[in-house]
Amino acid sequence: MINDSKSSQFISWKEDGSSFIVSNVGEFSRSILGSHFKHNNFSSFVRQLNMYGFHKINRTPRTSRPPLQTWEFSHPRFIRGRPDLLDDIKRKALVDGVQSPNSNNPSPSGVGGIQAGLTGDELEENKAALRIEKEKVEKLTGVVRMLWEVVERTIPGSSE
């Protein structure tokens, strides 16, 4: 898609080849995405890029109208003229249904993805994932309590 001359007015390499730029997001979504993906939703496209470790580089002021926005994305292994690096781009691993923020950078300690030097965003993602897991544990604890109450009522003396 990025090297296709038909889409060059919407998506192109940055001059130095270290990132790519999507111009006119609205028209890019309508004209290009549907022919390469099962959807033409730009947010879904961005989410997929993020799952593969791509990062957005801010180019458009927040006051700009969404259809005219210009977005730039980079990945250390996605470089113009270097197809040999593409095999190194992997989807981030899911850990118990939660996206692992560091799956492209595995923890040297091997302990549940804990790694010194996490960015603020990565820490917030980890906190959010932990909150979700805590909620799951609390719900399961409530279910176990209810089941235990049923057992106690059904089988006299089972709590002794």
Protein backbone atom coordinates (compact mmCIF):
# COMPACT_ATOMS: atom_id res chain seq x y z
CA MET A 1 0.00 0.00 0.00
CA ILE A 2 2.76 2.44 0.92
CA ASN A 3 4.71 1.74 -2.28
CA ASP A 4 1.62 1.71 -4.51
CA SER A 5 1.55 4.78 -6.79
CA LYS A 6 -2.29 4.76 -6.68
CA SER A 7 -2.22 5.56 -2.96
CA SER A 8 0.77 7.92 -2.94
CA GLN A 9 -1.41 11.03 -2.49
CA PHE A 10 -2.64 9.56 0.83
CA ILE A 11 0.26 7.51 2.21
CA SER A 12 3.97 7.93 1.62
CA TRP A 13 7.37 7.50 3.19
CA LYS A 14 8.97 10.35 5.10
CA GLU A 15 11.96 11.69 3.20
CA ASP A 16 14.51 9.77 5.29
CA GLY A 17 12.49 6.52 5.09
CA SER A 18 12.25 6.11 8.87
CA SER A 19 8.46 6.53 9.05
CA PHE A 20 5.39 6.87 6.87
CA ILE A 21 2.81 9.63 6.63
CA VAL A 22 -0.93 9.36 6.10
CA SER A 23 -2.41 12.54 4.65
CA ASN A 24 -6.09 13.42 4.45
CA VAL A 25 -7.25 10.68 6.82
CA GLY A 26 -10.88 10.83 5.69
CA GLU A 27 -10.14 10.26 2.02
CA PHE A 28 -7.44 7.68 2.87
CA SER A 29 -10.06 5.73 4.86
CA ARG A 30 -12.64 5.87 2.08
CA SER A 31 -10.32 5.24 -0.87
CA ILE A 32 -7.53 3.00 0.40
CA LEU A 33 -8.35 1.07 3.59
CA GLY A 34 -11.29 -0.90 2.20
CA SER A 35 -9.17 -2.31 -0.62
CA HIS A 36 -6.50 -3.63 1.79
CA PHE A 37 -8.53 -4.51 4.92
CA LYS A 38 -11.99 -5.77 5.86
CA HIS A 39 -12.91 -2.24 6.97
CA ASN A 40 -12.37 1.41 6.16
CA ASN A 41 -12.22 2.61 9.76
CA PHE A 42 -9.09 4.67 10.40
CA SER A 43 -9.26 4.11 14.16
CA SER A 44 -9.14 0.34 13.58
CA PHE A 45 -6.17 0.82 11.26
CA VAL A 46 -4.34 2.80 13.97
CA ARG A 47 -5.23 0.17 16.58
CA GLN A 48 -3.72 -2.54 14.34
CA LEU A 49 -0.56 -0.48 13.86
CA ASN A 50 -0.28 -0.07 17.64
CA MET A 51 -0.69 -3.82 18.16
CA TYR A 52 2.37 -4.32 15.96
CA GLY A 53 4.45 -1.78 17.84
CA PHE A 54 4.07 1.24 15.57
CA HIS A 55 3.97 4.63 17.25
CA LYS A 56 2.26 7.83 16.15
CA ILE A 57 4.44 10.87 15.75
CA ASN A 58 2.44 14.05 16.33
CA ARG A 59 2.23 16.19 13.21
CA THR A 60 -1.23 17.79 13.29
CA PRO A 61 -2.35 20.42 15.79
CA ARG A 62 -5.39 19.37 17.85
CA THR A 63 -7.40 22.19 16.25
CA SER A 64 -7.14 20.63 12.79
CA ARG A 65 -10.29 19.08 11.36
CA PRO A 66 -10.15 15.25 11.51
CA PRO A 67 -10.58 14.48 7.79
CA LEU A 68 -7.65 16.72 6.90
CA GLN A 69 -5.32 15.45 9.61
CA THR A 70 -1.87 14.18 8.75
CA TRP A 71 -0.60 11.27 10.82
CA GLU A 72 2.94 9.92 10.92
CA PHE A 73 3.82 6.43 12.16
CA SER A 74 7.14 4.78 12.86
CA HIS A 75 8.52 1.43 13.93
CA PRO A 76 12.23 0.77 14.42
CA ARG A 77 12.02 -2.24 12.07
CA PHE A 78 9.85 -0.61 9.36
CA ILE A 79 12.33 1.27 7.19
CA ARG A 80 12.14 2.09 3.49
CA GLY A 81 14.32 -0.22 1.43
CA ARG A 82 14.79 -2.75 4.28
CA PRO A 83 12.34 -5.62 3.64
CA ASP A 84 14.74 -7.89 5.54
CA LEU A 85 13.56 -6.27 8.80
CA LEU A 86 9.85 -6.95 8.26
CA ASP A 87 9.99 -10.46 9.77
CA ASP A 88 11.01 -8.86 13.07
CA ILE A 89 7.72 -6.95 13.34
CA LYS A 90 5.47 -9.08 15.51
CA ARG A 91 2.04 -8.57 17.00
CA LYS A 92 2.22 -7.78 20.69
CA ALA A 93 1.45 -10.85 22.79
CA LEU A 94 -1.81 -11.11 24.71
CA VAL A 95 -1.44 -12.09 28.35
CA ASP A 96 -4.72 -13.41 29.78
CA GLY A 97 -6.71 -11.33 27.30
CA VAL A 98 -4.81 -8.11 28.07
CA GLN A 99 -2.48 -6.55 25.51
CA SER A 100 1.07 -6.71 26.77
CA PRO A 101 2.64 -3.27 26.30
CA ASN A 102 6.18 -4.64 26.20
CA SER A 103 5.85 -7.69 23.99
CA ASN A 104 8.25 -6.19 21.43
CA ASN A 105 10.66 -5.63 24.33
CA PRO A 106 10.53 -8.75 26.48
CA SER A 107 11.51 -8.36 30.10
CA PRO A 108 15.11 -9.31 30.77
CA SER A 109 14.03 -10.58 34.16
CA GLY A 110 11.33 -12.74 32.59
CA VAL A 111 8.97 -11.84 35.42
CA GLY A 112 5.55 -11.05 33.99
CA GLY A 113 6.74 -8.26 31.71
CA ILE A 114 8.12 -6.17 34.59
CA GLN A 115 10.97 -4.07 33.31
CA ALA A 116 12.77 -1.04 34.66
CA GLY A 117 12.48 2.09 32.59
CA LEU A 118 8.85 1.82 31.46
CA THR A 119 7.42 4.97 29.93
CA GLY A 120 4.52 6.79 31.56
CA ASP A 121 2.12 5.39 28.94
CA GLU A 122 3.38 1.85 29.52
CA LEU A 123 2.96 2.25 33.27
CA GLU A 124 -0.59 3.50 32.79
CA GLU A 125 -1.35 0.55 30.50
CA ASN A 126 0.04 -1.82 33.14
CA LYS A 127 -2.04 -0.15 35.85
CA ALA A 128 -5.19 -0.43 33.73
CA ALA A 129 -4.46 -4.11 33.04
CA LEU A 130 -3.96 -4.74 36.75
CA ARG A 131 -7.25 -2.98 37.58
CA ILE A 132 -9.04 -5.25 35.12
CA GLU A 133 -7.45 -8.35 36.65
CA LYS A 134 -8.32 -7.14 40.15
CA GLU A 135 -11.96 -6.71 39.12
CA LYS A 136 -11.98 -10.25 37.72
CA VAL A 137 -10.58 -11.63 40.99
CA GLU A 138 -13.16 -9.68 43.02
CA LYS A 139 -16.02 -11.03 40.88
CA LEU A 140 -14.72 -14.59 41.19
CA THR A 141 -14.35 -14.18 44.94
CA GLY A 142 -18.00 -13.10 45.13
CA VAL A 143 -19.08 -16.11 43.08
CA VAL A 144 -17.10 -18.48 45.32
CA ARG A 145 -18.72 -16.92 48.43
CA MET A 146 -22.18 -17.39 46.95
CA LEU A 147 -21.40 -21.00 46.02
CA TRP A 148 -20.07 -21.67 49.50
CA GLU A 149 -23.28 -20.30 51.02
CA VAL A 150 -25.30 -22.65 48.83
CA VAL A 151 -23.12 -25.59 49.92
CA GLU A 152 -23.56 -24.65 53.59
CA ARG A 153 -27.35 -24.45 53.23
CA THR A 154 -27.55 -27.66 51.21
CA ILE A 155 -25.13 -29.84 53.19
CA PRO A 156 -25.50 -29.25 56.94
CA GLY A 157 -22.20 -29.20 58.83
CA SER A 158 -20.07 -28.60 55.74
CA SER A 159 -18.48 -25.47 57.20
CA GLU A 160 -17.03 -27.36 60.18
